[in-house]
Amino acid sequence: MRNTTTSTEPDRLSPGDIARTLLWTVVVASALANMATSFGGADTWVHLVCGAVTVLCAGTLVVRNLRGRR
């Protein structure tokens, strides 16, 4: 029996898919790092850096999503 749903080209990730995956990975990692430093009692600058990275990456994801809807 022949499978008619397969295409001749292999599935490939677009650069946008790769960027979105990396941004989500950084958001999760920086949020976890911020939480770990909170429980570990690290200096304030460590919290600020982790929070800034989280906000910048999350903001980038939001902007990319809003621009993609156009």
PDB file of N, CA and C in Angstrom:
ATOM      1  N   MET A   1       0.835  -1.174   0.000  1.00  0.00           N
ATOM      2  CA  MET A   1       0.000   0.000   0.000  1.00  0.00           C
ATOM      3  C   MET A   1       0.883   1.240   0.000  1.00  0.00           C
ATOM      4  N   ARG A   2       0.602   2.166  -0.836  1.00  0.00           N
ATOM      5  CA  ARG A   2       1.417   3.366  -1.001  1.00  0.00           C
ATOM      6  C   ARG A   2       0.890   4.495  -0.116  1.00  0.00           C
ATOM      7  N   ASN A   3       1.813   5.192   0.568  1.00  0.00           N
ATOM      8  CA  ASN A   3       1.445   6.314   1.423  1.00  0.00           C
ATOM      9  C   ASN A   3       1.396   7.581   0.576  1.00  0.00           C
ATOM     10  N   THR A   4       0.222   8.174   0.463  1.00  0.00           N
ATOM     11  CA  THR A   4       0.067   9.346  -0.399  1.00  0.00           C
ATOM     12  C   THR A   4       0.225  10.653   0.349  1.00  0.00           C
ATOM     13  N   THR A   5       0.410  10.592   1.672  1.00  0.00           N
ATOM     14  CA  THR A   5       0.503  11.825   2.443  1.00  0.00           C
ATOM     15  C   THR A   5       1.928  12.342   2.559  1.00  0.00           C
ATOM     16  N   THR A   6       2.902  11.586   2.136  1.00  0.00           N
ATOM     17  CA  THR A   6       4.285  12.048   2.240  1.00  0.00           C
ATOM     18  C   THR A   6       4.627  12.936   1.065  1.00  0.00           C
ATOM     19  N   SER A   7       5.452  13.934   1.321  1.00  0.00           N
ATOM     20  CA  SER A   7       5.891  14.821   0.251  1.00  0.00           C
ATOM     21  C   SER A   7       7.280  14.391  -0.210  1.00  0.00           C
ATOM     22  N   THR A   8       7.711  14.976  -1.290  1.00  0.00           N
ATOM     23  CA  THR A   8       9.027  14.618  -1.813  1.00  0.00           C
ATOM     24  C   THR A   8      10.145  15.305  -1.045  1.00  0.00           C
ATOM     25  N   GLU A   9       9.837  16.416  -0.355  1.00  0.00           N
ATOM     26  CA  GLU A   9      10.849  17.129   0.414  1.00  0.00           C
ATOM     27  C   GLU A   9      10.770  16.718   1.883  1.00  0.00           C
ATOM     28  N   PRO A  10      11.922  16.563   2.527  1.00  0.00           N
ATOM     29  CA  PRO A  10      11.886  16.240   3.958  1.00  0.00           C
ATOM     30  C   PRO A  10      11.438  17.455   4.767  1.00  0.00           C
ATOM     31  N   ASP A  11      10.874  17.197   5.938  1.00  0.00           N
ATOM     32  CA  ASP A  11      10.455  18.281   6.819  1.00  0.00           C
ATOM     33  C   ASP A  11      11.687  18.998   7.351  1.00  0.00           C
ATOM     34  N   ARG A  12      11.698  20.294   7.220  1.00  0.00           N
ATOM     35  CA  ARG A  12      12.824  21.101   7.694  1.00  0.00           C
ATOM     36  C   ARG A  12      12.304  22.226   8.555  1.00  0.00           C
ATOM     37  N   LEU A  13      13.108  22.571   9.536  1.00  0.00           N
ATOM     38  CA  LEU A  13      12.750  23.690  10.406  1.00  0.00           C
ATOM     39  C   LEU A  13      13.129  24.998   9.734  1.00  0.00           C
ATOM     40  N   SER A  14      12.254  25.957   9.837  1.00  0.00           N
ATOM     41  CA  SER A  14      12.559  27.270   9.295  1.00  0.00           C
ATOM     42  C   SER A  14      13.400  28.034  10.314  1.00  0.00           C
ATOM     43  N   PRO A  15      14.092  29.073   9.882  1.00  0.00           N
ATOM     44  CA  PRO A  15      14.853  29.889  10.838  1.00  0.00           C
ATOM     45  C   PRO A  15      13.968  30.484  11.926  1.00  0.00           C
ATOM     46  N   GLY A  16      12.719  30.795  11.590  1.00  0.00           N
ATOM     47  CA  GLY A  16      11.792  31.310  12.592  1.00  0.00           C
ATOM     48  C   GLY A  16      11.457  30.286  13.662  1.00  0.00           C
ATOM     49  N   ASP A  17      11.319  29.019  13.251  1.00  0.00           N
ATOM     50  CA  ASP A  17      11.058  27.948  14.216  1.00  0.00           C
ATOM     51  C   ASP A  17      12.239  27.758  15.158  1.00  0.00           C
ATOM     52  N   ILE A  18      13.428  27.828  14.620  1.00  0.00           N
ATOM     53  CA  ILE A  18      14.636  27.673  15.433  1.00  0.00           C
ATOM     54  C   ILE A  18      14.763  28.826  16.412  1.00  0.00           C
ATOM     55  N   ALA A  19      14.512  30.047  15.952  1.00  0.00           N
ATOM     56  CA  ALA A  19      14.598  31.221  16.824  1.00  0.00           C
ATOM     57  C   ALA A  19      13.575  31.135  17.945  1.00  0.00           C
ATOM     58  N   ARG A  20      12.349  30.728  17.613  1.00  0.00           N
ATOM     59  CA  ARG A  20      11.302  30.614  18.626  1.00  0.00           C
ATOM     60  C   ARG A  20      11.667  29.559  19.672  1.00  0.00           C
ATOM     61  N   THR A  21      12.199  28.444  19.239  1.00  0.00           N
ATOM     62  CA  THR A  21      12.606  27.389  20.170  1.00  0.00           C
ATOM     63  C   THR A  21      13.732  27.864  21.078  1.00  0.00           C
ATOM     64  N   LEU A  22      14.707  28.553  20.509  1.00  0.00           N
ATOM     65  CA  LEU A  22      15.808  29.071  21.327  1.00  0.00           C
ATOM     66  C   LEU A  22      15.323  30.130  22.314  1.00  0.00           C
ATOM     67  N   LEU A  23      14.427  30.998  21.878  1.00  0.00           N
ATOM     68  CA  LEU A  23      13.892  32.019  22.785  1.00  0.00           C
ATOM     69  C   LEU A  23      13.132  31.384  23.947  1.00  0.00           C
ATOM     70  N   TRP A  24      12.318  30.382  23.661  1.00  0.00           N
ATOM     71  CA  TRP A  24      11.595  29.711  24.739  1.00  0.00           C
ATOM     72  C   TRP A  24      12.546  29.008  25.696  1.00  0.00           C
ATOM     73  N   THR A  25      13.601  28.423  25.148  1.00  0.00           N
ATOM     74  CA  THR A  25      14.593  27.754  25.989  1.00  0.00           C
ATOM     75  C   THR A  25      15.274  28.743  26.919  1.00  0.00           C
ATOM     76  N   VAL A  26      15.631  29.906  26.396  1.00  0.00           N
ATOM     77  CA  VAL A  26      16.282  30.928  27.218  1.00  0.00           C
ATOM     78  C   VAL A  26      15.313  31.492  28.256  1.00  0.00           C
ATOM     79  N   VAL A  27      14.037  31.669  27.887  1.00  0.00           N
ATOM     80  CA  VAL A  27      13.047  32.163  28.844  1.00  0.00           C
ATOM     81  C   VAL A  27      12.921  31.197  30.021  1.00  0.00           C
ATOM     82  N   VAL A  28      12.788  29.937  29.731  1.00  0.00           N
ATOM     83  CA  VAL A  28      12.632  28.942  30.799  1.00  0.00           C
ATOM     84  C   VAL A  28      13.899  28.848  31.641  1.00  0.00           C
ATOM     85  N   ALA A  29      15.061  28.821  30.985  1.00  0.00           N
ATOM     86  CA  ALA A  29      16.327  28.702  31.717  1.00  0.00           C
ATOM     87  C   ALA A  29      16.574  29.916  32.611  1.00  0.00           C
ATOM     88  N   SER A  30      16.298  31.107  32.095  1.00  0.00           N
ATOM     89  CA  SER A  30      16.544  32.299  32.907  1.00  0.00           C
ATOM     90  C   SER A  30      15.537  32.426  34.041  1.00  0.00           C
ATOM     91  N   ALA A  31      14.305  31.998  33.818  1.00  0.00           N
ATOM     92  CA  ALA A  31      13.315  32.015  34.897  1.00  0.00           C
ATOM     93  C   ALA A  31      13.699  31.018  35.988  1.00  0.00           C
ATOM     94  N   LEU A  32      14.166  29.841  35.589  1.00  0.00           N
ATOM     95  CA  LEU A  32      14.629  28.859  36.572  1.00  0.00           C
ATOM     96  C   LEU A  32      15.868  29.355  37.320  1.00  0.00           C
ATOM     97  N   ALA A  33      16.768  30.005  36.598  1.00  0.00           N
ATOM     98  CA  ALA A  33      17.961  30.552  37.244  1.00  0.00           C
ATOM     99  C   ALA A  33      17.585  31.641  38.237  1.00  0.00           C
ATOM    100  N   ASN A  34      16.617  32.462  37.880  1.00  0.00           N
ATOM    101  CA  ASN A  34      16.161  33.513  38.782  1.00  0.00           C
ATOM    102  C   ASN A  34      15.535  32.911  40.039  1.00  0.00           C
ATOM    103  N   MET A  35      14.753  31.864  39.877  1.00  0.00           N
ATOM    104  CA  MET A  35      14.146  31.204  41.019  1.00  0.00           C
ATOM    105  C   MET A  35      15.214  30.540  41.894  1.00  0.00           C
ATOM    106  N   ALA A  36      16.201  29.917  41.270  1.00  0.00           N
ATOM    107  CA  ALA A  36      17.262  29.266  42.035  1.00  0.00           C
ATOM    108  C   ALA A  36      18.096  30.281  42.812  1.00  0.00           C
ATOM    109  N   THR A  37      18.361  31.426  42.200  1.00  0.00           N
ATOM    110  CA  THR A  37      19.130  32.447  42.916  1.00  0.00           C
ATOM    111  C   THR A  37      18.317  33.062  44.046  1.00  0.00           C
ATOM    112  N   SER A  38      16.994  33.083  43.903  1.00  0.00           N
ATOM    113  CA  SER A  38      16.142  33.584  44.982  1.00  0.00           C
ATOM    114  C   SER A  38      16.239  32.675  46.205  1.00  0.00           C
ATOM    115  N   PHE A  39      16.177  31.383  45.969  1.00  0.00           N
ATOM    116  CA  PHE A  39      16.273  30.445  47.082  1.00  0.00           C
ATOM    117  C   PHE A  39      17.703  30.337  47.605  1.00  0.00           C
ATOM    118  N   GLY A  40      18.689  30.610  46.750  1.00  0.00           N
ATOM    119  CA  GLY A  40      20.082  30.505  47.159  1.00  0.00           C
ATOM    120  C   GLY A  40      20.606  31.749  47.851  1.00  0.00           C
ATOM    121  N   GLY A  41      19.865  32.830  47.810  1.00  0.00           N
ATOM    122  CA  GLY A  41      20.298  34.058  48.464  1.00  0.00           C
ATOM    123  C   GLY A  41      21.428  34.761  47.736  1.00  0.00           C
ATOM    124  N   ALA A  42      21.362  34.800  46.430  1.00  0.00           N
ATOM    125  CA  ALA A  42      22.408  35.445  45.634  1.00  0.00           C
ATOM    126  C   ALA A  42      22.262  36.961  45.704  1.00  0.00           C
ATOM    127  N   ASP A  43      23.259  37.650  45.177  1.00  0.00           N
ATOM    128  CA  ASP A  43      23.241  39.113  45.147  1.00  0.00           C
ATOM    129  C   ASP A  43      22.109  39.624  44.262  1.00  0.00           C
ATOM    130  N   THR A  44      21.764  40.885  44.484  1.00  0.00           N
ATOM    131  CA  THR A  44      20.662  41.501  43.756  1.00  0.00           C
ATOM    132  C   THR A  44      20.950  41.600  42.266  1.00  0.00           C
ATOM    133  N   TRP A  45      22.185  41.852  41.886  1.00  0.00           N
ATOM    134  CA  TRP A  45      22.496  42.006  40.461  1.00  0.00           C
ATOM    135  C   TRP A  45      22.241  40.718  39.695  1.00  0.00           C
ATOM    136  N   VAL A  46      22.383  39.569  40.341  1.00  0.00           N
ATOM    137  CA  VAL A  46      22.118  38.294  39.667  1.00  0.00           C
ATOM    138  C   VAL A  46      20.625  38.183  39.351  1.00  0.00           C
ATOM    139  N   HIS A  47      19.784  38.582  40.298  1.00  0.00           N
ATOM    140  CA  HIS A  47      18.339  38.580  40.060  1.00  0.00           C
ATOM    141  C   HIS A  47      17.979  39.523  38.920  1.00  0.00           C
ATOM    142  N   LEU A  48      18.591  40.694  38.923  1.00  0.00           N
ATOM    143  CA  LEU A  48      18.293  41.679  37.880  1.00  0.00           C
ATOM    144  C   LEU A  48      18.689  41.180  36.497  1.00  0.00           C
ATOM    145  N   VAL A  49      19.842  40.545  36.392  1.00  0.00           N
ATOM    146  CA  VAL A  49      20.297  40.033  35.098  1.00  0.00           C
ATOM    147  C   VAL A  49      19.369  38.918  34.612  1.00  0.00           C
ATOM    148  N   CYS A  50      19.050  37.984  35.497  1.00  0.00           N
ATOM    149  CA  CYS A  50      18.141  36.896  35.110  1.00  0.00           C
ATOM    150  C   CYS A  50      16.766  37.437  34.723  1.00  0.00           C
ATOM    151  N   GLY A  51      16.257  38.391  35.483  1.00  0.00           N
ATOM    152  CA  GLY A  51      14.960  38.978  35.171  1.00  0.00           C
ATOM    153  C   GLY A  51      14.976  39.742  33.865  1.00  0.00           C
ATOM    154  N   ALA A  52      16.056  40.480  33.619  1.00  0.00           N
ATOM    155  CA  ALA A  52      16.155  41.242  32.372  1.00  0.00           C
ATOM    156  C   ALA A  52      16.196  40.313  31.161  1.00  0.00           C
ATOM    157  N   VAL A  53      16.939  39.228  31.268  1.00  0.00           N
ATOM    158  CA  VAL A  53      17.007  38.266  30.158  1.00  0.00           C
ATOM    159  C   VAL A  53      15.633  37.646  29.922  1.00  0.00           C
ATOM    160  N   THR A  54      14.951  37.300  30.988  1.00  0.00           N
ATOM    161  CA  THR A  54      13.618  36.714  30.864  1.00  0.00           C
ATOM    162  C   THR A  54      12.654  37.687  30.188  1.00  0.00           C
ATOM    163  N   VAL A  55      12.654  38.937  30.635  1.00  0.00           N
ATOM    164  CA  VAL A  55      11.737  39.935  30.073  1.00  0.00           C
ATOM    165  C   VAL A  55      12.063  40.223  28.609  1.00  0.00           C
ATOM    166  N   LEU A  56      13.331  40.340  28.273  1.00  0.00           N
ATOM    167  CA  LEU A  56      13.704  40.621  26.885  1.00  0.00           C
ATOM    168  C   LEU A  56      13.304  39.480  25.951  1.00  0.00           C
ATOM    169  N   CYS A  57      13.558  38.251  26.358  1.00  0.00           N
ATOM    170  CA  CYS A  57      13.200  37.120  25.499  1.00  0.00           C
ATOM    171  C   CYS A  57      11.687  36.948  25.404  1.00  0.00           C
ATOM    172  N   ALA A  58      10.976  37.113  26.511  1.00  0.00           N
ATOM    173  CA  ALA A  58       9.516  37.005  26.477  1.00  0.00           C
ATOM    174  C   ALA A  58       8.919  38.124  25.622  1.00  0.00           C
ATOM    175  N   GLY A  59       9.459  39.314  25.749  1.00  0.00           N
ATOM    176  CA  GLY A  59       8.995  40.419  24.913  1.00  0.00           C
ATOM    177  C   GLY A  59       9.239  40.176  23.442  1.00  0.00           C
ATOM    178  N   THR A  60      10.379  39.599  23.134  1.00  0.00           N
ATOM    179  CA  THR A  60      10.689  39.262  21.742  1.00  0.00           C
ATOM    180  C   THR A  60       9.712  38.229  21.208  1.00  0.00           C
ATOM    181  N   LEU A  61       9.361  37.248  22.030  1.00  0.00           N
ATOM    182  CA  LEU A  61       8.375  36.254  21.602  1.00  0.00           C
ATOM    183  C   LEU A  61       7.013  36.891  21.341  1.00  0.00           C
ATOM    184  N   VAL A  62       6.613  37.818  22.186  1.00  0.00           N
ATOM    185  CA  VAL A  62       5.330  38.499  22.002  1.00  0.00           C
ATOM    186  C   VAL A  62       5.333  39.317  20.715  1.00  0.00           C
ATOM    187  N   VAL A  63       6.398  40.070  20.493  1.00  0.00           N
ATOM    188  CA  VAL A  63       6.483  40.894  19.274  1.00  0.00           C
ATOM    189  C   VAL A  63       6.467  40.028  18.034  1.00  0.00           C
ATOM    190  N   ARG A  64       7.224  38.925  18.057  1.00  0.00           N
ATOM    191  CA  ARG A  64       7.240  38.032  16.896  1.00  0.00           C
ATOM    192  C   ARG A  64       5.858  37.437  16.637  1.00  0.00           C
ATOM    193  N   ASN A  65       5.135  37.117  17.710  1.00  0.00           N
ATOM    194  CA  ASN A  65       3.790  36.560  17.558  1.00  0.00           C
ATOM    195  C   ASN A  65       2.841  37.605  16.979  1.00  0.00           C
ATOM    196  N   LEU A  66       2.899  38.812  17.483  1.00  0.00           N
ATOM    197  CA  LEU A  66       2.013  39.867  16.978  1.00  0.00           C
ATOM    198  C   LEU A  66       2.326  40.221  15.532  1.00  0.00           C
ATOM    199  N   ARG A  67       3.574  40.253  15.176  1.00  0.00           N
ATOM    200  CA  ARG A  67       3.933  40.552  13.778  1.00  0.00           C
ATOM    201  C   ARG A  67       3.552  39.419  12.848  1.00  0.00           C
ATOM    202  N   GLY A  68       3.551  38.194  13.346  1.00  0.00           N
ATOM    203  CA  GLY A  68       3.192  37.048  12.525  1.00  0.00           C
ATOM    204  C   GLY A  68       1.716  36.975  12.199  1.00  0.00           C
ATOM    205  N   ARG A  69       0.891  37.697  12.957  1.00  0.00           N
ATOM    206  CA  ARG A  69      -0.554  37.678  12.722  1.00  0.00           C
ATOM    207  C   ARG A  69      -0.971  38.581  11.577  1.00  0.00           C
ATOM    208  N   ARG A  70      -0.120  39.465  11.153  1.00  0.00           N
ATOM    209  CA  ARG A  70      -0.465  40.414  10.082  1.00  0.00           C
ATOM    210  C   ARG A  70      -0.614  39.745   8.758  1.00  0.00           C
TER     211      ARG A  70
END
